[in-house]
Amino acid sequence: MDYDRAQSILQSKDTIRVKWRGEDVWIDSVDPYSQVAAVHLQQDPGVSKNVPIAELEEYGSAAPQ
């Protein structure tokens, strides 16, 4: 994923499915300079991580074709 798409997902009112290394995550913030996203795991909302935006994957029916 690139920064613009991650920012678009973050600002969207729709639920857009995103995975990081096979884990479902929510994007909390994105940094255009470091190209890092703060995410938390959907199954364990208390677990937050800073991950490279490039490692995020949009999936499911809402993903662009």
PDB file of N, CA and C in Angstrom:
ATOM      1  N   MET A   1       0.853  -1.157   0.000  1.00  0.00           N
ATOM      2  CA  MET A   1       0.000   0.000   0.000  1.00  0.00           C
ATOM      3  C   MET A   1       0.905   1.228   0.000  1.00  0.00           C
ATOM      4  N   ASP A   2       0.408   2.316  -0.556  1.00  0.00           N
ATOM      5  CA  ASP A   2       1.179   3.548  -0.509  1.00  0.00           C
ATOM      6  C   ASP A   2       0.555   4.531   0.489  1.00  0.00           C
ATOM      7  N   TYR A   3       1.280   5.603   0.772  1.00  0.00           N
ATOM      8  CA  TYR A   3       0.830   6.579   1.777  1.00  0.00           C
ATOM      9  C   TYR A   3      -0.541   7.147   1.440  1.00  0.00           C
ATOM     10  N   ASP A   4      -0.767   7.546   0.177  1.00  0.00           N
ATOM     11  CA  ASP A   4      -2.035   8.172  -0.190  1.00  0.00           C
ATOM     12  C   ASP A   4      -3.221   7.249   0.078  1.00  0.00           C
ATOM     13  N   ARG A   5      -3.074   5.967  -0.245  1.00  0.00           N
ATOM     14  CA  ARG A   5      -4.172   5.023  -0.012  1.00  0.00           C
ATOM     15  C   ARG A   5      -4.384   4.810   1.483  1.00  0.00           C
ATOM     16  N   ALA A   6      -3.318   4.692   2.241  1.00  0.00           N
ATOM     17  CA  ALA A   6      -3.442   4.519   3.688  1.00  0.00           C
ATOM     18  C   ALA A   6      -4.143   5.737   4.309  1.00  0.00           C
ATOM     19  N   GLN A   7      -3.783   6.931   3.872  1.00  0.00           N
ATOM     20  CA  GLN A   7      -4.419   8.156   4.372  1.00  0.00           C
ATOM     21  C   GLN A   7      -5.892   8.183   3.988  1.00  0.00           C
ATOM     22  N   SER A   8      -6.211   7.762   2.784  1.00  0.00           N
ATOM     23  CA  SER A   8      -7.598   7.708   2.318  1.00  0.00           C
ATOM     24  C   SER A   8      -8.416   6.732   3.166  1.00  0.00           C
ATOM     25  N   ILE A   9      -7.857   5.575   3.465  1.00  0.00           N
ATOM     26  CA  ILE A   9      -8.537   4.588   4.308  1.00  0.00           C
ATOM     27  C   ILE A   9      -8.754   5.161   5.706  1.00  0.00           C
ATOM     28  N   LEU A  10      -7.744   5.805   6.243  1.00  0.00           N
ATOM     29  CA  LEU A  10      -7.832   6.394   7.578  1.00  0.00           C
ATOM     30  C   LEU A  10      -8.955   7.424   7.657  1.00  0.00           C
ATOM     31  N   GLN A  11      -9.136   8.209   6.614  1.00  0.00           N
ATOM     32  CA  GLN A  11     -10.137   9.269   6.613  1.00  0.00           C
ATOM     33  C   GLN A  11     -11.527   8.798   6.188  1.00  0.00           C
ATOM     34  N   SER A  12     -11.629   7.596   5.657  1.00  0.00           N
ATOM     35  CA  SER A  12     -12.898   7.081   5.157  1.00  0.00           C
ATOM     36  C   SER A  12     -13.870   6.766   6.285  1.00  0.00           C
ATOM     37  N   LYS A  13     -15.129   7.028   6.031  1.00  0.00           N
ATOM     38  CA  LYS A  13     -16.176   6.648   6.975  1.00  0.00           C
ATOM     39  C   LYS A  13     -16.572   5.185   6.785  1.00  0.00           C
ATOM     40  N   ASP A  14     -16.163   4.605   5.645  1.00  0.00           N
ATOM     41  CA  ASP A  14     -16.450   3.197   5.358  1.00  0.00           C
ATOM     42  C   ASP A  14     -15.463   2.299   6.097  1.00  0.00           C
ATOM     43  N   THR A  15     -15.876   1.064   6.311  1.00  0.00           N
ATOM     44  CA  THR A  15     -14.979   0.060   6.875  1.00  0.00           C
ATOM     45  C   THR A  15     -14.210  -0.567   5.726  1.00  0.00           C
ATOM     46  N   ILE A  16     -12.918  -0.383   5.728  1.00  0.00           N
ATOM     47  CA  ILE A  16     -12.070  -0.929   4.677  1.00  0.00           C
ATOM     48  C   ILE A  16     -11.108  -1.902   5.333  1.00  0.00           C
ATOM     49  N   ARG A  17     -11.108  -3.115   4.842  1.00  0.00           N
ATOM     50  CA  ARG A  17     -10.303  -4.180   5.450  1.00  0.00           C
ATOM     51  C   ARG A  17      -8.829  -4.029   5.094  1.00  0.00           C
ATOM     52  N   VAL A  18      -7.996  -4.115   6.133  1.00  0.00           N
ATOM     53  CA  VAL A  18      -6.546  -3.993   5.955  1.00  0.00           C
ATOM     54  C   VAL A  18      -5.865  -5.083   6.776  1.00  0.00           C
ATOM     55  N   LYS A  19      -4.826  -5.669   6.188  1.00  0.00           N
ATOM     56  CA  LYS A  19      -4.027  -6.676   6.889  1.00  0.00           C
ATOM     57  C   LYS A  19      -2.579  -6.226   6.927  1.00  0.00           C
ATOM     58  N   TRP A  20      -1.894  -6.666   7.975  1.00  0.00           N
ATOM     59  CA  TRP A  20      -0.444  -6.519   8.084  1.00  0.00           C
ATOM     60  C   TRP A  20       0.098  -7.878   8.500  1.00  0.00           C
ATOM     61  N   ARG A  21       0.902  -8.465   7.641  1.00  0.00           N
ATOM     62  CA  ARG A  21       1.483  -9.795   7.883  1.00  0.00           C
ATOM     63  C   ARG A  21       0.427 -10.817   8.298  1.00  0.00           C
ATOM     64  N   GLY A  22      -0.711 -10.783   7.607  1.00  0.00           N
ATOM     65  CA  GLY A  22      -1.766 -11.753   7.842  1.00  0.00           C
ATOM     66  C   GLY A  22      -2.716 -11.415   8.973  1.00  0.00           C
ATOM     67  N   GLU A  23      -2.460 -10.344   9.705  1.00  0.00           N
ATOM     68  CA  GLU A  23      -3.301  -9.929  10.835  1.00  0.00           C
ATOM     69  C   GLU A  23      -4.223  -8.799  10.397  1.00  0.00           C
ATOM     70  N   ASP A  24      -5.497  -8.884  10.770  1.00  0.00           N
ATOM     71  CA  ASP A  24      -6.418  -7.781  10.516  1.00  0.00           C
ATOM     72  C   ASP A  24      -6.058  -6.623  11.438  1.00  0.00           C
ATOM     73  N   VAL A  25      -5.928  -5.422  10.855  1.00  0.00           N
ATOM     74  CA  VAL A  25      -5.552  -4.247  11.641  1.00  0.00           C
ATOM     75  C   VAL A  25      -6.430  -3.055  11.295  1.00  0.00           C
ATOM     76  N   TRP A  26      -6.463  -2.100  12.215  1.00  0.00           N
ATOM     77  CA  TRP A  26      -7.044  -0.782  11.985  1.00  0.00           C
ATOM     78  C   TRP A  26      -5.887   0.199  11.909  1.00  0.00           C
ATOM     79  N   ILE A  27      -5.968   1.125  10.965  1.00  0.00           N
ATOM     80  CA  ILE A  27      -4.958   2.165  10.854  1.00  0.00           C
ATOM     81  C   ILE A  27      -5.342   3.310  11.792  1.00  0.00           C
ATOM     82  N   ASP A  28      -4.417   3.693  12.674  1.00  0.00           N
ATOM     83  CA  ASP A  28      -4.653   4.788  13.608  1.00  0.00           C
ATOM     84  C   ASP A  28      -4.070   6.108  13.101  1.00  0.00           C
ATOM     85  N   SER A  29      -2.921   6.036  12.432  1.00  0.00           N
ATOM     86  CA  SER A  29      -2.290   7.233  11.877  1.00  0.00           C
ATOM     87  C   SER A  29      -1.251   6.811  10.857  1.00  0.00           C
ATOM     88  N   VAL A  30      -0.880   7.755  10.005  1.00  0.00           N
ATOM     89  CA  VAL A  30       0.171   7.511   9.019  1.00  0.00           C
ATOM     90  C   VAL A  30       1.112   8.706   8.993  1.00  0.00           C
ATOM     91  N   ASP A  31       2.390   8.441   8.782  1.00  0.00           N
ATOM     92  CA  ASP A  31       3.400   9.492   8.734  1.00  0.00           C
ATOM     93  C   ASP A  31       3.998   9.529   7.329  1.00  0.00           C
ATOM     94  N   PRO A  32       3.790  10.634   6.607  1.00  0.00           N
ATOM     95  CA  PRO A  32       4.286  10.697   5.228  1.00  0.00           C
ATOM     96  C   PRO A  32       5.803  10.737   5.134  1.00  0.00           C
ATOM     97  N   TYR A  33       6.473  11.177   6.173  1.00  0.00           N
ATOM     98  CA  TYR A  33       7.932  11.318   6.126  1.00  0.00           C
ATOM     99  C   TYR A  33       8.634   9.987   6.385  1.00  0.00           C
ATOM    100  N   SER A  34       8.193   9.285   7.404  1.00  0.00           N
ATOM    101  CA  SER A  34       8.820   8.000   7.724  1.00  0.00           C
ATOM    102  C   SER A  34       8.182   6.837   6.974  1.00  0.00           C
ATOM    103  N   GLN A  35       7.001   7.101   6.356  1.00  0.00           N
ATOM    104  CA  GLN A  35       6.252   6.055   5.653  1.00  0.00           C
ATOM    105  C   GLN A  35       5.891   4.912   6.596  1.00  0.00           C
ATOM    106  N   VAL A  36       5.520   5.280   7.822  1.00  0.00           N
ATOM    107  CA  VAL A  36       5.137   4.322   8.851  1.00  0.00           C
ATOM    108  C   VAL A  36       3.692   4.595   9.262  1.00  0.00           C
ATOM    109  N   ALA A  37       2.961   3.517   9.524  1.00  0.00           N
ATOM    110  CA  ALA A  37       1.592   3.620  10.020  1.00  0.00           C
ATOM    111  C   ALA A  37       1.529   3.069  11.435  1.00  0.00           C
ATOM    112  N   ALA A  38       0.793   3.756  12.287  1.00  0.00           N
ATOM    113  CA  ALA A  38       0.466   3.216  13.604  1.00  0.00           C
ATOM    114  C   ALA A  38      -0.823   2.431  13.421  1.00  0.00           C
ATOM    115  N   VAL A  39      -0.810   1.169  13.813  1.00  0.00           N
ATOM    116  CA  VAL A  39      -1.980   0.301  13.665  1.00  0.00           C
ATOM    117  C   VAL A  39      -2.243  -0.412  14.983  1.00  0.00           C
ATOM    118  N   HIS A  40      -3.473  -0.913  15.119  1.00  0.00           N
ATOM    119  CA  HIS A  40      -3.752  -1.826  16.228  1.00  0.00           C
ATOM    120  C   HIS A  40      -4.475  -3.036  15.671  1.00  0.00           C
ATOM    121  N   LEU A  41      -4.245  -4.165  16.325  1.00  0.00           N
ATOM    122  CA  LEU A  41      -4.830  -5.430  15.884  1.00  0.00           C
ATOM    123  C   LEU A  41      -6.316  -5.445  16.166  1.00  0.00           C
ATOM    124  N   GLN A  42      -7.108  -5.893  15.204  1.00  0.00           N
ATOM    125  CA  GLN A  42      -8.553  -5.972  15.409  1.00  0.00           C
ATOM    126  C   GLN A  42      -8.905  -6.977  16.493  1.00  0.00           C
ATOM    127  N   GLN A  43      -8.211  -8.105  16.549  1.00  0.00           N
ATOM    128  CA  GLN A  43      -8.536  -9.133  17.530  1.00  0.00           C
ATOM    129  C   GLN A  43      -8.032  -8.804  18.925  1.00  0.00           C
ATOM    130  N   ASP A  44      -7.088  -7.884  19.013  1.00  0.00           N
ATOM    131  CA  ASP A  44      -6.532  -7.483  20.305  1.00  0.00           C
ATOM    132  C   ASP A  44      -6.248  -5.987  20.259  1.00  0.00           C
ATOM    133  N   PRO A  45      -7.295  -5.150  20.411  1.00  0.00           N
ATOM    134  CA  PRO A  45      -7.143  -3.698  20.248  1.00  0.00           C
ATOM    135  C   PRO A  45      -6.096  -3.062  21.156  1.00  0.00           C
ATOM    136  N   GLY A  46      -5.692  -3.740  22.209  1.00  0.00           N
ATOM    137  CA  GLY A  46      -4.670  -3.205  23.087  1.00  0.00           C
ATOM    138  C   GLY A  46      -3.266  -3.312  22.528  1.00  0.00           C
ATOM    139  N   VAL A  47      -3.111  -4.044  21.426  1.00  0.00           N
ATOM    140  CA  VAL A  47      -1.798  -4.228  20.818  1.00  0.00           C
ATOM    141  C   VAL A  47      -1.634  -3.237  19.671  1.00  0.00           C
ATOM    142  N   SER A  48      -0.735  -2.277  19.844  1.00  0.00           N
ATOM    143  CA  SER A  48      -0.432  -1.277  18.819  1.00  0.00           C
ATOM    144  C   SER A  48       0.962  -1.529  18.273  1.00  0.00           C
ATOM    145  N   LYS A  49       1.131  -1.220  16.997  1.00  0.00           N
ATOM    146  CA  LYS A  49       2.435  -1.397  16.350  1.00  0.00           C
ATOM    147  C   LYS A  49       2.656  -0.256  15.366  1.00  0.00           C
ATOM    148  N   ASN A  50       3.907   0.079  15.143  1.00  0.00           N
ATOM    149  CA  ASN A  50       4.295   0.974  14.061  1.00  0.00           C
ATOM    150  C   ASN A  50       4.879   0.100  12.968  1.00  0.00           C
ATOM    151  N   VAL A  51       4.268   0.158  11.773  1.00  0.00           N
ATOM    152  CA  VAL A  51       4.661  -0.741  10.687  1.00  0.00           C
ATOM    153  C   VAL A  51       4.866   0.055   9.400  1.00  0.00           C
ATOM    154  N   PRO A  52       5.708  -0.446   8.500  1.00  0.00           N
ATOM    155  CA  PRO A  52       5.874   0.221   7.212  1.00  0.00           C
ATOM    156  C   PRO A  52       4.554   0.217   6.433  1.00  0.00           C
ATOM    157  N   ILE A  53       4.181   1.362   5.901  1.00  0.00           N
ATOM    158  CA  ILE A  53       2.941   1.459   5.120  1.00  0.00           C
ATOM    159  C   ILE A  53       2.971   0.467   3.961  1.00  0.00           C
ATOM    160  N   ALA A  54       4.122   0.264   3.369  1.00  0.00           N
ATOM    161  CA  ALA A  54       4.251  -0.646   2.222  1.00  0.00           C
ATOM    162  C   ALA A  54       3.873  -2.077   2.571  1.00  0.00           C
ATOM    163  N   GLU A  55       3.888  -2.445   3.858  1.00  0.00           N
ATOM    164  CA  GLU A  55       3.527  -3.805   4.270  1.00  0.00           C
ATOM    165  C   GLU A  55       2.034  -3.980   4.520  1.00  0.00           C
ATOM    166  N   LEU A  56       1.268  -2.902   4.464  1.00  0.00           N
ATOM    167  CA  LEU A  56      -0.183  -3.005   4.655  1.00  0.00           C
ATOM    168  C   LEU A  56      -0.831  -3.465   3.358  1.00  0.00           C
ATOM    169  N   GLU A  57      -1.849  -4.312   3.499  1.00  0.00           N
ATOM    170  CA  GLU A  57      -2.566  -4.824   2.332  1.00  0.00           C
ATOM    171  C   GLU A  57      -4.060  -4.631   2.524  1.00  0.00           C
ATOM    172  N   GLU A  58      -4.678  -4.018   1.548  1.00  0.00           N
ATOM    173  CA  GLU A  58      -6.136  -3.884   1.523  1.00  0.00           C
ATOM    174  C   GLU A  58      -6.684  -5.176   0.911  1.00  0.00           C
ATOM    175  N   TYR A  59      -7.791  -5.655   1.458  1.00  0.00           N
ATOM    176  CA  TYR A  59      -8.341  -6.910   0.933  1.00  0.00           C
ATOM    177  C   TYR A  59      -9.857  -6.916   1.041  1.00  0.00           C
ATOM    178  N   GLY A  60     -10.453  -7.908   0.441  1.00  0.00           N
ATOM    179  CA  GLY A  60     -11.896  -8.074   0.511  1.00  0.00           C
ATOM    180  C   GLY A  60     -12.610  -7.313  -0.602  1.00  0.00           C
ATOM    181  N   SER A  61     -13.917  -7.266  -0.497  1.00  0.00           N
ATOM    182  CA  SER A  61     -14.730  -6.680  -1.552  1.00  0.00           C
ATOM    183  C   SER A  61     -14.521  -5.189  -1.713  1.00  0.00           C
ATOM    184  N   ALA A  62     -14.021  -4.500  -0.676  1.00  0.00           N
ATOM    185  CA  ALA A  62     -13.816  -3.055  -0.761  1.00  0.00           C
ATOM    186  C   ALA A  62     -12.485  -2.701  -1.422  1.00  0.00           C
ATOM    187  N   ALA A  63     -11.619  -3.698  -1.646  1.00  0.00           N
ATOM    188  CA  ALA A  63     -10.307  -3.424  -2.229  1.00  0.00           C
ATOM    189  C   ALA A  63     -10.461  -3.010  -3.681  1.00  0.00           C
ATOM    190  N   PRO A  64      -9.704  -1.998  -4.138  1.00  0.00           N
ATOM    191  CA  PRO A  64      -9.784  -1.578  -5.537  1.00  0.00           C
ATOM    192  C   PRO A  64      -9.265  -2.671  -6.451  1.00  0.00           C
ATOM    193  N   GLN A  65      -9.875  -2.781  -7.606  1.00  0.00           N
ATOM    194  CA  GLN A  65      -9.484  -3.799  -8.595  1.00  0.00           C
ATOM    195  C   GLN A  65      -8.396  -3.288  -9.483  1.00  0.00           C
TER     196      GLN A  65
END
